[in-house]
Amino acid sequence: MFADLIDNAVRYGAPPRGGPSTISLRGAREDGVIVVAVADEGAGIHADDLPHVFDRFHRGRSQRTGDGGTGLGLSIARQIARTHGGDVRVANRPEGGCVVAVTLKAA
């Protein structure tokens, strides 16, 4: 699950103006929940695509460039998280890019 999220950040998280990309990982324990967030500096996810990012075979506007993706990665990541009592959220960052946050119950 985390490998897929990091791969997505590397693949789609390049800054719109080019140059080197920075991907950040953050982990925290919040109210009995472990949160691991993967953030990038890319263009973010188009507003029309946000409600569908977890739909199987949905490929967002930035993914329709023939990169070989199937549109399954985020739906699989969410299913893995839910199998373990957690979930996955995706949001655009105000400063650009997006953040994918996995929440799992702390032991």
PDB file of N, CA and C in Angstrom:
ATOM      1  N   MET A   1       0.821  -1.182   0.000  1.00  0.00           N
ATOM      2  CA  MET A   1       0.000   0.000   0.000  1.00  0.00           C
ATOM      3  C   MET A   1       0.875   1.259   0.000  1.00  0.00           C
ATOM      4  N   PHE A   2       1.832   1.321   0.927  1.00  0.00           N
ATOM      5  CA  PHE A   2       2.685   2.517   0.992  1.00  0.00           C
ATOM      6  C   PHE A   2       3.579   2.626  -0.243  1.00  0.00           C
ATOM      7  N   ALA A   3       4.051   1.502  -0.745  1.00  0.00           N
ATOM      8  CA  ALA A   3       4.873   1.531  -1.959  1.00  0.00           C
ATOM      9  C   ALA A   3       4.068   2.120  -3.118  1.00  0.00           C
ATOM     10  N   ASP A   4       2.801   1.761  -3.224  1.00  0.00           N
ATOM     11  CA  ASP A   4       1.958   2.285  -4.291  1.00  0.00           C
ATOM     12  C   ASP A   4       1.742   3.791  -4.132  1.00  0.00           C
ATOM     13  N   LEU A   5       1.499   4.236  -2.914  1.00  0.00           N
ATOM     14  CA  LEU A   5       1.277   5.667  -2.688  1.00  0.00           C
ATOM     15  C   LEU A   5       2.531   6.486  -2.988  1.00  0.00           C
ATOM     16  N   ILE A   6       3.679   5.959  -2.598  1.00  0.00           N
ATOM     17  CA  ILE A   6       4.937   6.653  -2.886  1.00  0.00           C
ATOM     18  C   ILE A   6       5.206   6.649  -4.385  1.00  0.00           C
ATOM     19  N   ASP A   7       4.949   5.522  -5.051  1.00  0.00           N
ATOM     20  CA  ASP A   7       5.123   5.442  -6.502  1.00  0.00           C
ATOM     21  C   ASP A   7       4.234   6.469  -7.204  1.00  0.00           C
ATOM     22  N   ASN A   8       2.985   6.615  -6.766  1.00  0.00           N
ATOM     23  CA  ASN A   8       2.099   7.628  -7.357  1.00  0.00           C
ATOM     24  C   ASN A   8       2.665   9.030  -7.167  1.00  0.00           C
ATOM     25  N   ALA A   9       3.185   9.309  -5.971  1.00  0.00           N
ATOM     26  CA  ALA A   9       3.752  10.640  -5.707  1.00  0.00           C
ATOM     27  C   ALA A   9       4.949  10.907  -6.612  1.00  0.00           C
ATOM     28  N   VAL A  10       5.774   9.906  -6.820  1.00  0.00           N
ATOM     29  CA  VAL A  10       6.933  10.064  -7.702  1.00  0.00           C
ATOM     30  C   VAL A  10       6.467  10.254  -9.150  1.00  0.00           C
ATOM     31  N   ARG A  11       5.510   9.468  -9.555  1.00  0.00           N
ATOM     32  CA  ARG A  11       5.045   9.485 -10.945  1.00  0.00           C
ATOM     33  C   ARG A  11       4.292  10.762 -11.302  1.00  0.00           C
ATOM     34  N   TYR A  12       3.418  11.218 -10.408  1.00  0.00           N
ATOM     35  CA  TYR A  12       2.536  12.337 -10.732  1.00  0.00           C
ATOM     36  C   TYR A  12       2.814  13.600  -9.930  1.00  0.00           C
ATOM     37  N   GLY A  13       3.814  13.578  -9.069  1.00  0.00           N
ATOM     38  CA  GLY A  13       4.024  14.686  -8.156  1.00  0.00           C
ATOM     39  C   GLY A  13       5.091  15.676  -8.532  1.00  0.00           C
ATOM     40  N   ALA A  14       5.529  15.671  -9.765  1.00  0.00           N
ATOM     41  CA  ALA A  14       6.540  16.645 -10.182  1.00  0.00           C
ATOM     42  C   ALA A  14       5.929  18.045 -10.212  1.00  0.00           C
ATOM     43  N   PRO A  15       6.686  19.045  -9.825  1.00  0.00           N
ATOM     44  CA  PRO A  15       6.166  20.415  -9.861  1.00  0.00           C
ATOM     45  C   PRO A  15       5.742  20.803 -11.274  1.00  0.00           C
ATOM     46  N   PRO A  16       4.645  21.535 -11.416  1.00  0.00           N
ATOM     47  CA  PRO A  16       4.170  21.915 -12.748  1.00  0.00           C
ATOM     48  C   PRO A  16       5.196  22.709 -13.555  1.00  0.00           C
ATOM     49  N   ARG A  17       6.088  23.426 -12.873  1.00  0.00           N
ATOM     50  CA  ARG A  17       7.088  24.232 -13.580  1.00  0.00           C
ATOM     51  C   ARG A  17       8.364  23.452 -13.865  1.00  0.00           C
ATOM     52  N   GLY A  18       8.361  22.154 -13.575  1.00  0.00           N
ATOM     53  CA  GLY A  18       9.553  21.348 -13.802  1.00  0.00           C
ATOM     54  C   GLY A  18      10.518  21.454 -12.639  1.00  0.00           C
ATOM     55  N   GLY A  19      11.686  20.890 -12.807  1.00  0.00           N
ATOM     56  CA  GLY A  19      12.688  20.906 -11.758  1.00  0.00           C
ATOM     57  C   GLY A  19      12.542  19.709 -10.837  1.00  0.00           C
ATOM     58  N   PRO A  20      13.387  19.654  -9.816  1.00  0.00           N
ATOM     59  CA  PRO A  20      13.346  18.503  -8.907  1.00  0.00           C
ATOM     60  C   PRO A  20      12.054  18.488  -8.087  1.00  0.00           C
ATOM     61  N   SER A  21      11.610  17.280  -7.795  1.00  0.00           N
ATOM     62  CA  SER A  21      10.392  17.095  -7.020  1.00  0.00           C
ATOM     63  C   SER A  21      10.737  16.648  -5.609  1.00  0.00           C
ATOM     64  N   THR A  22      10.009  17.169  -4.657  1.00  0.00           N
ATOM     65  CA  THR A  22      10.181  16.744  -3.274  1.00  0.00           C
ATOM     66  C   THR A  22       8.919  16.026  -2.835  1.00  0.00           C
ATOM     67  N   ILE A  23       9.096  14.840  -2.298  1.00  0.00           N
ATOM     68  CA  ILE A  23       7.988  14.063  -1.756  1.00  0.00           C
ATOM     69  C   ILE A  23       8.249  13.937  -0.267  1.00  0.00           C
ATOM     70  N   SER A  24       7.234  14.211   0.528  1.00  0.00           N
ATOM     71  CA  SER A  24       7.429  14.126   1.973  1.00  0.00           C
ATOM     72  C   SER A  24       6.545  13.032   2.556  1.00  0.00           C
ATOM     73  N   LEU A  25       7.078  12.392   3.580  1.00  0.00           N
ATOM     74  CA  LEU A  25       6.350  11.387   4.342  1.00  0.00           C
ATOM     75  C   LEU A  25       6.259  11.888   5.773  1.00  0.00           C
ATOM     76  N   ARG A  26       5.090  11.765   6.352  1.00  0.00           N
ATOM     77  CA  ARG A  26       4.898  12.195   7.731  1.00  0.00           C
ATOM     78  C   ARG A  26       4.125  11.113   8.448  1.00  0.00           C
ATOM     79  N   GLY A  27       4.574  10.775   9.623  1.00  0.00           N
ATOM     80  CA  GLY A  27       3.873   9.813  10.451  1.00  0.00           C
ATOM     81  C   GLY A  27       3.595  10.413  11.807  1.00  0.00           C
ATOM     82  N   ALA A  28       2.421  10.137  12.348  1.00  0.00           N
ATOM     83  CA  ALA A  28       2.061  10.669  13.655  1.00  0.00           C
ATOM     84  C   ALA A  28       1.026   9.767  14.299  1.00  0.00           C
ATOM     85  N   ARG A  29       0.991   9.841  15.608  1.00  0.00           N
ATOM     86  CA  ARG A  29      -0.049   9.149  16.361  1.00  0.00           C
ATOM     87  C   ARG A  29      -1.000  10.222  16.872  1.00  0.00           C
ATOM     88  N   GLU A  30      -2.272  10.097  16.504  1.00  0.00           N
ATOM     89  CA  GLU A  30      -3.273  11.095  16.868  1.00  0.00           C
ATOM     90  C   GLU A  30      -4.513  10.395  17.409  1.00  0.00           C
ATOM     91  N   ASP A  31      -4.780  10.566  18.696  1.00  0.00           N
ATOM     92  CA  ASP A  31      -5.988  10.023  19.319  1.00  0.00           C
ATOM     93  C   ASP A  31      -6.178   8.526  19.048  1.00  0.00           C
ATOM     94  N   GLY A  32      -5.155   7.734  19.271  1.00  0.00           N
ATOM     95  CA  GLY A  32      -5.254   6.290  19.097  1.00  0.00           C
ATOM     96  C   GLY A  32      -5.215   5.811  17.659  1.00  0.00           C
ATOM     97  N   VAL A  33      -4.870   6.712  16.752  1.00  0.00           N
ATOM     98  CA  VAL A  33      -4.806   6.385  15.333  1.00  0.00           C
ATOM     99  C   VAL A  33      -3.424   6.761  14.815  1.00  0.00           C
ATOM    100  N   ILE A  34      -2.866   5.904  13.998  1.00  0.00           N
ATOM    101  CA  ILE A  34      -1.610   6.199  13.309  1.00  0.00           C
ATOM    102  C   ILE A  34      -1.967   6.815  11.961  1.00  0.00           C
ATOM    103  N   VAL A  35      -1.367   7.953  11.660  1.00  0.00           N
ATOM    104  CA  VAL A  35      -1.590   8.624  10.378  1.00  0.00           C
ATOM    105  C   VAL A  35      -0.258   8.696   9.649  1.00  0.00           C
ATOM    106  N   VAL A  36      -0.229   8.178   8.434  1.00  0.00           N
ATOM    107  CA  VAL A  36       0.945   8.276   7.579  1.00  0.00           C
ATOM    108  C   VAL A  36       0.518   9.025   6.327  1.00  0.00           C
ATOM    109  N   ALA A  37       1.170  10.148   6.056  1.00  0.00           N
ATOM    110  CA  ALA A  37       0.804  10.988   4.920  1.00  0.00           C
ATOM    111  C   ALA A  37       1.944  11.061   3.917  1.00  0.00           C
ATOM    112  N   VAL A  38       1.590  10.959   2.641  1.00  0.00           N
ATOM    113  CA  VAL A  38       2.528  11.110   1.532  1.00  0.00           C
ATOM    114  C   VAL A  38       2.091  12.355   0.767  1.00  0.00           C
ATOM    115  N   ALA A  39       2.971  13.345   0.666  1.00  0.00           N
ATOM    116  CA  ALA A  39       2.631  14.597  -0.007  1.00  0.00           C
ATOM    117  C   ALA A  39       3.600  14.856  -1.153  1.00  0.00           C
ATOM    118  N   ASP A  40       3.094  15.502  -2.206  1.00  0.00           N
ATOM    119  CA  ASP A  40       3.944  15.844  -3.344  1.00  0.00           C
ATOM    120  C   ASP A  40       3.749  17.303  -3.711  1.00  0.00           C
ATOM    121  N   GLU A  41       4.492  17.761  -4.707  1.00  0.00           N
ATOM    122  CA  GLU A  41       4.458  19.154  -5.152  1.00  0.00           C
ATOM    123  C   GLU A  41       3.869  19.303  -6.545  1.00  0.00           C
ATOM    124  N   GLY A  42       3.154  18.299  -7.011  1.00  0.00           N
ATOM    125  CA  GLY A  42       2.635  18.322  -8.376  1.00  0.00           C
ATOM    126  C   GLY A  42       1.485  19.299  -8.560  1.00  0.00           C
ATOM    127  N   ALA A  43       0.754  19.085  -9.628  1.00  0.00           N
ATOM    128  CA  ALA A  43      -0.364  19.961  -9.979  1.00  0.00           C
ATOM    129  C   ALA A  43      -1.597  19.667  -9.128  1.00  0.00           C
ATOM    130  N   GLY A  44      -1.564  18.625  -8.342  1.00  0.00           N
ATOM    131  CA  GLY A  44      -2.737  18.242  -7.574  1.00  0.00           C
ATOM    132  C   GLY A  44      -3.685  17.423  -8.432  1.00  0.00           C
ATOM    133  N   ILE A  45      -4.847  17.167  -7.890  1.00  0.00           N
ATOM    134  CA  ILE A  45      -5.850  16.366  -8.584  1.00  0.00           C
ATOM    135  C   ILE A  45      -6.973  17.294  -9.019  1.00  0.00           C
ATOM    136  N   HIS A  46      -7.344  17.210 -10.275  1.00  0.00           N
ATOM    137  CA  HIS A  46      -8.390  18.071 -10.812  1.00  0.00           C
ATOM    138  C   HIS A  46      -9.660  17.890  -9.977  1.00  0.00           C
ATOM    139  N   ALA A  47     -10.365  18.990  -9.726  1.00  0.00           N
ATOM    140  CA  ALA A  47     -11.559  18.969  -8.880  1.00  0.00           C
ATOM    141  C   ALA A  47     -12.600  17.949  -9.354  1.00  0.00           C
ATOM    142  N   ASP A  48     -12.735  17.776 -10.669  1.00  0.00           N
ATOM    143  CA  ASP A  48     -13.691  16.797 -11.198  1.00  0.00           C
ATOM    144  C   ASP A  48     -13.277  15.364 -10.899  1.00  0.00           C
ATOM    145  N   ASP A  49     -11.985  15.146 -10.712  1.00  0.00           N
ATOM    146  CA  ASP A  49     -11.481  13.790 -10.454  1.00  0.00           C
ATOM    147  C   ASP A  49     -11.497  13.411  -8.974  1.00  0.00           C
ATOM    148  N   LEU A  50     -11.427  14.396  -8.072  1.00  0.00           N
ATOM    149  CA  LEU A  50     -11.326  14.097  -6.637  1.00  0.00           C
ATOM    150  C   LEU A  50     -12.396  13.129  -6.124  1.00  0.00           C
ATOM    151  N   PRO A  51     -13.676  13.281  -6.494  1.00  0.00           N
ATOM    152  CA  PRO A  51     -14.677  12.344  -5.964  1.00  0.00           C
ATOM    153  C   PRO A  51     -14.512  10.913  -6.481  1.00  0.00           C
ATOM    154  N   HIS A  52     -13.681  10.729  -7.496  1.00  0.00           N
ATOM    155  CA  HIS A  52     -13.575   9.421  -8.149  1.00  0.00           C
ATOM    156  C   HIS A  52     -12.219   8.738  -7.981  1.00  0.00           C
ATOM    157  N   VAL A  53     -11.306   9.334  -7.230  1.00  0.00           N
ATOM    158  CA  VAL A  53      -9.945   8.792  -7.172  1.00  0.00           C
ATOM    159  C   VAL A  53      -9.878   7.367  -6.626  1.00  0.00           C
ATOM    160  N   PHE A  54     -10.870   6.950  -5.848  1.00  0.00           N
ATOM    161  CA  PHE A  54     -10.867   5.593  -5.310  1.00  0.00           C
ATOM    162  C   PHE A  54     -11.707   4.625  -6.135  1.00  0.00           C
ATOM    163  N   ASP A  55     -12.312   5.106  -7.216  1.00  0.00           N
ATOM    164  CA  ASP A  55     -13.085   4.230  -8.100  1.00  0.00           C
ATOM    165  C   ASP A  55     -12.127   3.360  -8.904  1.00  0.00           C
ATOM    166  N   ARG A  56     -12.459   2.083  -9.001  1.00  0.00           N
ATOM    167  CA  ARG A  56     -11.609   1.176  -9.791  1.00  0.00           C
ATOM    168  C   ARG A  56     -11.578   1.633 -11.246  1.00  0.00           C
ATOM    169  N   PHE A  57     -10.393   1.600 -11.815  1.00  0.00           N
ATOM    170  CA  PHE A  57     -10.110   1.933 -13.212  1.00  0.00           C
ATOM    171  C   PHE A  57     -10.282   3.420 -13.541  1.00  0.00           C
ATOM    172  N   HIS A  58     -10.510   4.255 -12.541  1.00  0.00           N
ATOM    173  CA  HIS A  58     -10.580   5.698 -12.818  1.00  0.00           C
ATOM    174  C   HIS A  58      -9.165   6.221 -13.007  1.00  0.00           C
ATOM    175  N   ARG A  59      -8.952   6.884 -14.120  1.00  0.00           N
ATOM    176  CA  ARG A  59      -7.660   7.498 -14.396  1.00  0.00           C
ATOM    177  C   ARG A  59      -7.896   8.991 -14.534  1.00  0.00           C
ATOM    178  N   GLY A  60      -7.303   9.747 -13.633  1.00  0.00           N
ATOM    179  CA  GLY A  60      -7.463  11.192 -13.643  1.00  0.00           C
ATOM    180  C   GLY A  60      -6.869  11.824 -14.879  1.00  0.00           C
ATOM    181  N   ARG A  61      -7.152  13.092 -15.038  1.00  0.00           N
ATOM    182  CA  ARG A  61      -6.663  13.832 -16.217  1.00  0.00           C
ATOM    183  C   ARG A  61      -5.156  13.715 -16.384  1.00  0.00           C
ATOM    184  N   SER A  62      -4.402  13.790 -15.278  1.00  0.00           N
ATOM    185  CA  SER A  62      -2.945  13.729 -15.383  1.00  0.00           C
ATOM    186  C   SER A  62      -2.450  12.325 -15.673  1.00  0.00           C
ATOM    187  N   GLN A  63      -3.315  11.322 -15.525  1.00  0.00           N
ATOM    188  CA  GLN A  63      -2.903   9.938 -15.751  1.00  0.00           C
ATOM    189  C   GLN A  63      -3.239   9.450 -17.150  1.00  0.00           C
ATOM    190  N   ARG A  64      -3.875  10.256 -17.932  1.00  0.00           N
ATOM    191  CA  ARG A  64      -4.313   9.811 -19.252  1.00  0.00           C
ATOM    192  C   ARG A  64      -3.265  10.072 -20.323  1.00  0.00           C
ATOM    193  N   THR A  65      -2.016  10.049 -19.930  1.00  0.00           N
ATOM    194  CA  THR A  65      -0.943  10.377 -20.867  1.00  0.00           C
ATOM    195  C   THR A  65      -0.208   9.137 -21.362  1.00  0.00           C
ATOM    196  N   GLY A  66      -0.759   7.946 -21.105  1.00  0.00           N
ATOM    197  CA  GLY A  66      -0.141   6.734 -21.600  1.00  0.00           C
ATOM    198  C   GLY A  66       1.000   6.226 -20.752  1.00  0.00           C
ATOM    199  N   ASP A  67       0.974   6.472 -19.445  1.00  0.00           N
ATOM    200  CA  ASP A  67       2.059   6.048 -18.565  1.00  0.00           C
ATOM    201  C   ASP A  67       1.978   4.578 -18.175  1.00  0.00           C
ATOM    202  N   GLY A  68       0.922   3.899 -18.587  1.00  0.00           N
ATOM    203  CA  GLY A  68       0.801   2.485 -18.269  1.00  0.00           C
ATOM    204  C   GLY A  68       0.008   2.195 -17.014  1.00  0.00           C
ATOM    205  N   GLY A  69      -0.459   3.220 -16.303  1.00  0.00           N
ATOM    206  CA  GLY A  69      -1.262   3.003 -15.106  1.00  0.00           C
ATOM    207  C   GLY A  69      -2.623   2.420 -15.465  1.00  0.00           C
ATOM    208  N   THR A  70      -3.218   1.695 -14.512  1.00  0.00           N
ATOM    209  CA  THR A  70      -4.513   1.062 -14.760  1.00  0.00           C
ATOM    210  C   THR A  70      -5.662   1.746 -14.041  1.00  0.00           C
ATOM    211  N   GLY A  71      -5.368   2.646 -13.122  1.00  0.00           N
ATOM    212  CA  GLY A  71      -6.429   3.266 -12.350  1.00  0.00           C
ATOM    213  C   GLY A  71      -6.889   2.409 -11.185  1.00  0.00           C
ATOM    214  N   LEU A  72      -6.043   1.493 -10.740  1.00  0.00           N
ATOM    215  CA  LEU A  72      -6.394   0.613  -9.625  1.00  0.00           C
ATOM    216  C   LEU A  72      -5.651   0.937  -8.332  1.00  0.00           C
ATOM    217  N   GLY A  73      -4.555   1.656  -8.397  1.00  0.00           N
ATOM    218  CA  GLY A  73      -3.675   1.843  -7.249  1.00  0.00           C
ATOM    219  C   GLY A  73      -4.349   2.377  -6.003  1.00  0.00           C
ATOM    220  N   LEU A  74      -5.086   3.488  -6.128  1.00  0.00           N
ATOM    221  CA  LEU A  74      -5.707   4.077  -4.938  1.00  0.00           C
ATOM    222  C   LEU A  74      -6.860   3.227  -4.422  1.00  0.00           C
ATOM    223  N   SER A  75      -7.598   2.566  -5.316  1.00  0.00           N
ATOM    224  CA  SER A  75      -8.680   1.701  -4.831  1.00  0.00           C
ATOM    225  C   SER A  75      -8.114   0.504  -4.077  1.00  0.00           C
ATOM    226  N   ILE A  76      -7.000  -0.035  -4.535  1.00  0.00           N
ATOM    227  CA  ILE A  76      -6.349  -1.140  -3.825  1.00  0.00           C
ATOM    228  C   ILE A  76      -5.794  -0.662  -2.495  1.00  0.00           C
ATOM    229  N   ALA A  77      -5.164   0.507  -2.481  1.00  0.00           N
ATOM    230  CA  ALA A  77      -4.625   1.051  -1.233  1.00  0.00           C
ATOM    231  C   ALA A  77      -5.741   1.233  -0.206  1.00  0.00           C
ATOM    232  N   ARG A  78      -6.876   1.770  -0.636  1.00  0.00           N
ATOM    233  CA  ARG A  78      -7.997   1.966   0.297  1.00  0.00           C
ATOM    234  C   ARG A  78      -8.514   0.622   0.815  1.00  0.00           C
ATOM    235  N   GLN A  79      -8.612  -0.363  -0.053  1.00  0.00           N
ATOM    236  CA  GLN A  79      -9.101  -1.676   0.381  1.00  0.00           C
ATOM    237  C   GLN A  79      -8.152  -2.304   1.405  1.00  0.00           C
ATOM    238  N   ILE A  80      -6.854  -2.166   1.188  1.00  0.00           N
ATOM    239  CA  ILE A  80      -5.876  -2.687   2.148  1.00  0.00           C
ATOM    240  C   ILE A  80      -6.044  -1.983   3.492  1.00  0.00           C
ATOM    241  N   ALA A  81      -6.139  -0.670   3.470  1.00  0.00           N
ATOM    242  CA  ALA A  81      -6.303   0.084   4.717  1.00  0.00           C
ATOM    243  C   ALA A  81      -7.584  -0.328   5.428  1.00  0.00           C
ATOM    244  N   ARG A  82      -8.669  -0.451   4.707  1.00  0.00           N
ATOM    245  CA  ARG A  82      -9.951  -0.820   5.328  1.00  0.00           C
ATOM    246  C   ARG A  82      -9.923  -2.249   5.871  1.00  0.00           C
ATOM    247  N   THR A  83      -9.201  -3.116   5.208  1.00  0.00           N
ATOM    248  CA  THR A  83      -9.060  -4.482   5.708  1.00  0.00           C
ATOM    249  C   THR A  83      -8.397  -4.485   7.077  1.00  0.00           C
ATOM    250  N   HIS A  84      -7.553  -3.505   7.324  1.00  0.00           N
ATOM    251  CA  HIS A  84      -6.842  -3.394   8.597  1.00  0.00           C
ATOM    252  C   HIS A  84      -7.503  -2.381   9.545  1.00  0.00           C
ATOM    253  N   GLY A  85      -8.765  -2.056   9.291  1.00  0.00           N
ATOM    254  CA  GLY A  85      -9.500  -1.162  10.179  1.00  0.00           C
ATOM    255  C   GLY A  85      -9.206   0.309   9.992  1.00  0.00           C
ATOM    256  N   GLY A  86      -8.633   0.680   8.870  1.00  0.00           N
ATOM    257  CA  GLY A  86      -8.281   2.074   8.620  1.00  0.00           C
ATOM    258  C   GLY A  86      -8.960   2.624   7.389  1.00  0.00           C
ATOM    259  N   ASP A  87      -8.363   3.652   6.829  1.00  0.00           N
ATOM    260  CA  ASP A  87      -8.903   4.270   5.616  1.00  0.00           C
ATOM    261  C   ASP A  87      -7.809   5.092   4.946  1.00  0.00           C
ATOM    262  N   VAL A  88      -8.105   5.607   3.772  1.00  0.00           N
ATOM    263  CA  VAL A  88      -7.197   6.474   3.017  1.00  0.00           C
ATOM    264  C   VAL A  88      -7.992   7.702   2.576  1.00  0.00           C
ATOM    265  N   ARG A  89      -7.391   8.878   2.726  1.00  0.00           N
ATOM    266  CA  ARG A  89      -7.991  10.135   2.288  1.00  0.00           C
ATOM    267  C   ARG A  89      -7.032  10.821   1.308  1.00  0.00           C
ATOM    268  N   VAL A  90      -7.584  11.556   0.377  1.00  0.00           N
ATOM    269  CA  VAL A  90      -6.783  12.328  -0.578  1.00  0.00           C
ATOM    270  C   VAL A  90      -7.304  13.752  -0.604  1.00  0.00           C
ATOM    271  N   ALA A  91      -6.382  14.706  -0.613  1.00  0.00           N
ATOM    272  CA  ALA A  91      -6.771  16.118  -0.702  1.00  0.00           C
ATOM    273  C   ALA A  91      -5.685  16.890  -1.440  1.00  0.00           C
ATOM    274  N   ASN A  92      -6.097  17.961  -2.088  1.00  0.00           N
ATOM    275  CA  ASN A  92      -5.134  18.879  -2.686  1.00  0.00           C
ATOM    276  C   ASN A  92      -4.573  19.771  -1.589  1.00  0.00           C
ATOM    277  N   ARG A  93      -3.305  20.114  -1.723  1.00  0.00           N
ATOM    278  CA  ARG A  93      -2.653  21.012  -0.768  1.00  0.00           C
ATOM    279  C   ARG A  93      -2.820  22.448  -1.256  1.00  0.00           C
ATOM    280  N   PRO A  94      -3.077  23.393  -0.356  1.00  0.00           N
ATOM    281  CA  PRO A  94      -3.234  24.793  -0.762  1.00  0.00           C
ATOM    282  C   PRO A  94      -2.010  25.328  -1.505  1.00  0.00           C
ATOM    283  N   GLU A  95      -0.824  24.870  -1.120  1.00  0.00           N
ATOM    284  CA  GLU A  95       0.405  25.349  -1.756  1.00  0.00           C
ATOM    285  C   GLU A  95       0.748  24.596  -3.034  1.00  0.00           C
ATOM    286  N   GLY A  96      -0.107  23.659  -3.452  1.00  0.00           N
ATOM    287  CA  GLY A  96       0.117  22.871  -4.656  1.00  0.00           C
ATOM    288  C   GLY A  96       0.444  21.432  -4.312  1.00  0.00           C
ATOM    289  N   GLY A  97       0.120  20.568  -5.212  1.00  0.00           N
ATOM    290  CA  GLY A  97       0.337  19.143  -4.985  1.00  0.00           C
ATOM    291  C   GLY A  97      -0.823  18.534  -4.229  1.00  0.00           C
ATOM    292  N   CYS A  98      -0.659  17.300  -3.832  1.00  0.00           N
ATOM    293  CA  CYS A  98      -1.695  16.645  -3.061  1.00  0.00           C
ATOM    294  C   CYS A  98      -1.074  15.850  -1.927  1.00  0.00           C
ATOM    295  N   VAL A  99      -1.937  15.440  -1.011  1.00  0.00           N
ATOM    296  CA  VAL A  99      -1.515  14.629   0.110  1.00  0.00           C
ATOM    297  C   VAL A  99      -2.473  13.451   0.226  1.00  0.00           C
ATOM    298  N   VAL A 100      -1.886  12.278   0.409  1.00  0.00           N
ATOM    299  CA  VAL A 100      -2.659  11.051   0.619  1.00  0.00           C
ATOM    300  C   VAL A 100      -2.346  10.609   2.034  1.00  0.00           C
ATOM    301  N   ALA A 101      -3.382  10.501   2.853  1.00  0.00           N
ATOM    302  CA  ALA A 101      -3.180  10.146   4.265  1.00  0.00           C
ATOM    303  C   ALA A 101      -3.834   8.808   4.576  1.00  0.00           C
ATOM    304  N   VAL A 102      -3.054   7.911   5.132  1.00  0.00           N
ATOM    305  CA  VAL A 102      -3.533   6.594   5.568  1.00  0.00           C
ATOM    306  C   VAL A 102      -3.733   6.653   7.070  1.00  0.00           C
ATOM    307  N   THR A 103      -4.886   6.212   7.537  1.00  0.00           N
ATOM    308  CA  THR A 103      -5.132   6.116   8.970  1.00  0.00           C
ATOM    309  C   THR A 103      -5.329   4.657   9.333  1.00  0.00           C
ATOM    310  N   LEU A 104      -4.669   4.243  10.414  1.00  0.00           N
ATOM    311  CA  LEU A 104      -4.778   2.875  10.924  1.00  0.00           C
ATOM    312  C   LEU A 104      -4.913   2.939  12.437  1.00  0.00           C
ATOM    313  N   LYS A 105      -5.685   2.048  13.003  1.00  0.00           N
ATOM    314  CA  LYS A 105      -5.829   2.000  14.456  1.00  0.00           C
ATOM    315  C   LYS A 105      -4.482   1.663  15.080  1.00  0.00           C
ATOM    316  N   ALA A 106      -4.125   2.416  16.111  1.00  0.00           N
ATOM    317  CA  ALA A 106      -2.867   2.151  16.829  1.00  0.00           C
ATOM    318  C   ALA A 106      -3.039   0.905  17.685  1.00  0.00           C
ATOM    319  N   ALA A 107      -1.968   0.144  17.833  1.00  0.00           N
ATOM    320  CA  ALA A 107      -2.020  -1.063  18.670  1.00  0.00           C
ATOM    321  C   ALA A 107      -2.064  -0.691  20.135  1.00  0.00           C
TER     322      ALA A 107
END
